[in-house]
N, C-alpha and C. Protein backbone atom coordinates (compact mmCIF):
# COMPACT_ATOMS: atom_id res chain seq x y z
N MET A 1 0.83 -1.16 0.01
CA MET A 1 0.01 0.01 0.01
C MET A 1 0.90 1.24 -0.01
N THR A 2 0.53 2.22 -0.79
CA THR A 2 1.33 3.43 -0.85
C THR A 2 1.05 4.34 0.33
N HIS A 3 1.87 5.32 0.49
CA HIS A 3 1.74 6.27 1.60
C HIS A 3 0.41 7.04 1.49
N ASP A 4 0.01 7.42 0.28
CA ASP A 4 -1.21 8.18 0.07
C ASP A 4 -2.42 7.35 0.42
N GLN A 5 -2.42 6.07 0.08
CA GLN A 5 -3.55 5.20 0.45
C GLN A 5 -3.63 5.02 1.95
N GLU A 6 -2.50 4.83 2.59
CA GLU A 6 -2.48 4.68 4.04
C GLU A 6 -3.01 5.93 4.72
N MET A 7 -2.64 7.07 4.22
CA MET A 7 -3.13 8.34 4.81
C MET A 7 -4.63 8.47 4.60
N ALA A 8 -5.12 8.12 3.41
CA ALA A 8 -6.55 8.20 3.15
C ALA A 8 -7.33 7.30 4.05
N PHE A 9 -6.85 6.07 4.23
CA PHE A 9 -7.53 5.11 5.11
C PHE A 9 -7.50 5.61 6.55
N GLY A 10 -6.38 6.16 6.96
CA GLY A 10 -6.24 6.66 8.32
C GLY A 10 -7.24 7.80 8.59
N VAL A 11 -7.33 8.72 7.64
CA VAL A 11 -8.27 9.85 7.81
C VAL A 11 -9.70 9.34 7.83
N PHE A 12 -10.00 8.37 6.94
CA PHE A 12 -11.37 7.83 6.90
C PHE A 12 -11.74 7.14 8.22
N PHE A 13 -10.83 6.29 8.74
CA PHE A 13 -11.14 5.58 9.96
C PHE A 13 -11.18 6.50 11.17
N PHE A 14 -10.37 7.55 11.15
CA PHE A 14 -10.45 8.54 12.23
C PHE A 14 -11.79 9.26 12.18
N GLY A 15 -12.28 9.54 10.98
CA GLY A 15 -13.63 10.14 10.82
C GLY A 15 -14.73 9.22 11.33
N VAL A 16 -14.58 7.94 11.06
CA VAL A 16 -15.55 6.95 11.55
C VAL A 16 -15.56 6.95 13.08
N TYR A 17 -14.35 7.01 13.68
CA TYR A 17 -14.23 7.07 15.13
C TYR A 17 -14.91 8.31 15.69
N ILE A 18 -14.68 9.45 15.10
CA ILE A 18 -15.27 10.74 15.56
C ILE A 18 -16.79 10.67 15.41
N LEU A 19 -17.29 10.15 14.29
CA LEU A 19 -18.71 10.03 14.09
C LEU A 19 -19.35 9.12 15.16
N GLY A 20 -18.67 8.03 15.46
CA GLY A 20 -19.15 7.13 16.50
C GLY A 20 -19.24 7.80 17.85
N GLY A 21 -18.23 8.56 18.20
CA GLY A 21 -18.25 9.27 19.46
C GLY A 21 -19.36 10.30 19.53
N THR A 22 -19.61 10.98 18.43
CA THR A 22 -20.69 11.94 18.37
C THR A 22 -22.04 11.27 18.54
N LEU A 23 -22.24 10.10 17.90
CA LEU A 23 -23.47 9.38 18.06
C LEU A 23 -23.66 8.85 19.48
N VAL A 24 -22.59 8.44 20.11
CA VAL A 24 -22.68 7.99 21.51
C VAL A 24 -23.17 9.12 22.40
N LEU A 25 -22.57 10.29 22.24
CA LEU A 25 -22.97 11.43 23.07
C LEU A 25 -24.39 11.88 22.76
N ALA A 26 -24.80 11.85 21.48
CA ALA A 26 -26.18 12.17 21.12
C ALA A 26 -27.15 11.17 21.73
N GLY A 27 -26.78 9.89 21.67
CA GLY A 27 -27.65 8.87 22.28
C GLY A 27 -27.78 9.03 23.75
N ILE A 28 -26.70 9.35 24.47
CA ILE A 28 -26.81 9.56 25.90
C ILE A 28 -27.68 10.75 26.19
N PHE A 29 -27.52 11.83 25.41
CA PHE A 29 -28.37 13.02 25.60
C PHE A 29 -29.85 12.68 25.39
N LEU A 30 -30.15 11.93 24.30
CA LEU A 30 -31.54 11.59 24.04
C LEU A 30 -32.13 10.72 25.12
N ILE A 31 -31.37 9.79 25.65
CA ILE A 31 -31.86 8.89 26.68
C ILE A 31 -32.07 9.66 27.97
N SER A 32 -31.14 10.51 28.29
CA SER A 32 -31.18 11.21 29.60
C SER A 32 -32.17 12.37 29.65
N PHE A 33 -32.14 13.24 28.67
CA PHE A 33 -32.87 14.47 28.75
C PHE A 33 -34.15 14.56 27.91
N MET A 34 -34.27 13.73 26.90
CA MET A 34 -35.42 13.84 25.99
C MET A 34 -36.39 12.67 26.11
N SER A 35 -36.28 11.92 27.20
CA SER A 35 -37.13 10.76 27.41
C SER A 35 -38.60 11.16 27.47
N GLY A 36 -39.43 10.48 26.68
CA GLY A 36 -40.86 10.75 26.66
C GLY A 36 -41.29 11.83 25.73
N GLN A 37 -40.37 12.45 25.04
CA GLN A 37 -40.72 13.53 24.11
C GLN A 37 -40.66 13.05 22.68
N ASP A 38 -41.49 13.65 21.83
CA ASP A 38 -41.49 13.30 20.43
C ASP A 38 -40.29 13.96 19.73
N LEU A 39 -39.60 13.21 18.92
CA LEU A 39 -38.40 13.71 18.26
C LEU A 39 -38.67 13.93 16.78
N MET A 40 -39.11 15.10 16.40
CA MET A 40 -39.36 15.49 15.01
C MET A 40 -40.26 14.52 14.27
N GLY A 41 -41.23 13.97 14.95
CA GLY A 41 -42.17 13.07 14.31
C GLY A 41 -41.65 11.64 14.13
N TRP A 42 -40.45 11.33 14.64
CA TRP A 42 -39.88 10.00 14.52
C TRP A 42 -40.34 9.07 15.65
N GLY A 43 -40.94 9.65 16.67
CA GLY A 43 -41.40 8.86 17.79
C GLY A 43 -40.66 9.28 19.06
N ASP A 44 -40.79 8.46 20.08
CA ASP A 44 -40.17 8.74 21.38
C ASP A 44 -38.64 8.79 21.24
N ALA A 45 -38.05 9.72 21.95
CA ALA A 45 -36.60 9.93 21.79
C ALA A 45 -35.77 8.84 22.46
N ARG A 46 -36.31 8.14 23.45
CA ARG A 46 -35.54 7.16 24.19
C ARG A 46 -35.07 5.98 23.32
N PRO A 47 -35.96 5.31 22.55
CA PRO A 47 -35.47 4.22 21.69
C PRO A 47 -34.48 4.70 20.60
N ILE A 48 -34.69 5.91 20.09
CA ILE A 48 -33.78 6.45 19.11
C ILE A 48 -32.43 6.70 19.77
N GLY A 49 -32.43 7.15 21.01
CA GLY A 49 -31.21 7.31 21.75
C GLY A 49 -30.44 6.00 21.97
N TYR A 50 -31.18 4.93 22.28
CA TYR A 50 -30.52 3.62 22.39
C TYR A 50 -29.93 3.18 21.06
N PHE A 51 -30.62 3.44 19.98
CA PHE A 51 -30.11 3.10 18.65
C PHE A 51 -28.84 3.87 18.36
N PHE A 52 -28.85 5.21 18.63
CA PHE A 52 -27.66 6.01 18.40
C PHE A 52 -26.50 5.53 19.26
N LEU A 53 -26.80 5.16 20.50
CA LEU A 53 -25.77 4.67 21.41
C LEU A 53 -25.12 3.39 20.90
N ALA A 54 -25.97 2.46 20.44
CA ALA A 54 -25.45 1.19 19.95
C ALA A 54 -24.64 1.36 18.68
N VAL A 55 -25.16 2.10 17.75
CA VAL A 55 -24.45 2.32 16.49
C VAL A 55 -23.15 3.11 16.73
N GLY A 56 -23.21 4.09 17.59
CA GLY A 56 -22.04 4.87 17.91
C GLY A 56 -20.93 4.03 18.55
N LEU A 57 -21.32 3.14 19.45
CA LEU A 57 -20.31 2.25 20.07
C LEU A 57 -19.67 1.35 19.01
N CYS A 58 -20.48 0.82 18.12
CA CYS A 58 -19.96 -0.04 17.05
C CYS A 58 -19.02 0.71 16.15
N LEU A 59 -19.37 1.92 15.77
CA LEU A 59 -18.50 2.71 14.90
C LEU A 59 -17.22 3.10 15.62
N SER A 60 -17.30 3.45 16.89
CA SER A 60 -16.10 3.82 17.63
C SER A 60 -15.13 2.64 17.77
N VAL A 61 -15.65 1.50 18.14
CA VAL A 61 -14.79 0.33 18.28
C VAL A 61 -14.26 -0.08 16.92
N GLY A 62 -15.09 -0.04 15.88
CA GLY A 62 -14.60 -0.38 14.54
C GLY A 62 -13.53 0.55 14.04
N GLY A 63 -13.72 1.84 14.28
CA GLY A 63 -12.73 2.84 13.85
C GLY A 63 -11.39 2.67 14.57
N ILE A 64 -11.43 2.45 15.87
CA ILE A 64 -10.20 2.24 16.64
C ILE A 64 -9.50 0.95 16.24
N ARG A 65 -10.30 -0.10 16.05
CA ARG A 65 -9.72 -1.38 15.64
C ARG A 65 -9.04 -1.27 14.27
N SER A 66 -9.72 -0.58 13.34
CA SER A 66 -9.17 -0.41 12.00
C SER A 66 -7.90 0.44 12.03
N LEU A 67 -7.88 1.47 12.83
CA LEU A 67 -6.67 2.29 12.95
C LEU A 67 -5.52 1.49 13.53
N SER A 68 -5.82 0.67 14.54
CA SER A 68 -4.74 -0.14 15.13
C SER A 68 -4.20 -1.16 14.13
N LEU A 69 -5.08 -1.74 13.35
CA LEU A 69 -4.63 -2.69 12.30
C LEU A 69 -3.79 -2.00 11.26
N LEU A 70 -4.19 -0.78 10.89
CA LEU A 70 -3.44 0.00 9.92
C LEU A 70 -2.04 0.33 10.44
N LEU A 71 -1.95 0.70 11.70
CA LEU A 71 -0.63 1.00 12.29
C LEU A 71 0.19 -0.25 12.47
N GLU A 72 -0.46 -1.35 12.84
CA GLU A 72 0.26 -2.59 13.05
C GLU A 72 0.87 -3.11 11.75
N LYS A 73 0.16 -2.92 10.64
CA LYS A 73 0.62 -3.39 9.36
C LYS A 73 1.87 -2.61 8.91
N LYS A 74 1.99 -1.37 9.38
CA LYS A 74 3.08 -0.50 9.01
C LYS A 74 4.39 -0.98 9.62
N ARG A 75 4.36 -1.60 10.77
CA ARG A 75 5.57 -2.04 11.50
C ARG A 75 6.26 -3.16 10.83
């Protein structure tokens, strides 16, 4: 893999990690503070918060794991 490809993959996986962290925080906010309220016509905010929390955790773990594999391959 060339240096440019490694850099592109690194930036992409770091973005996935940041997106995951943002979704985790949004999910915690929805579960904690918006429970029982309608969220823009999508329904109750609590189940949507749990969904954001689960997807955010998966993206964060996947992004970190991918970054570590990318760095490990470099050695």
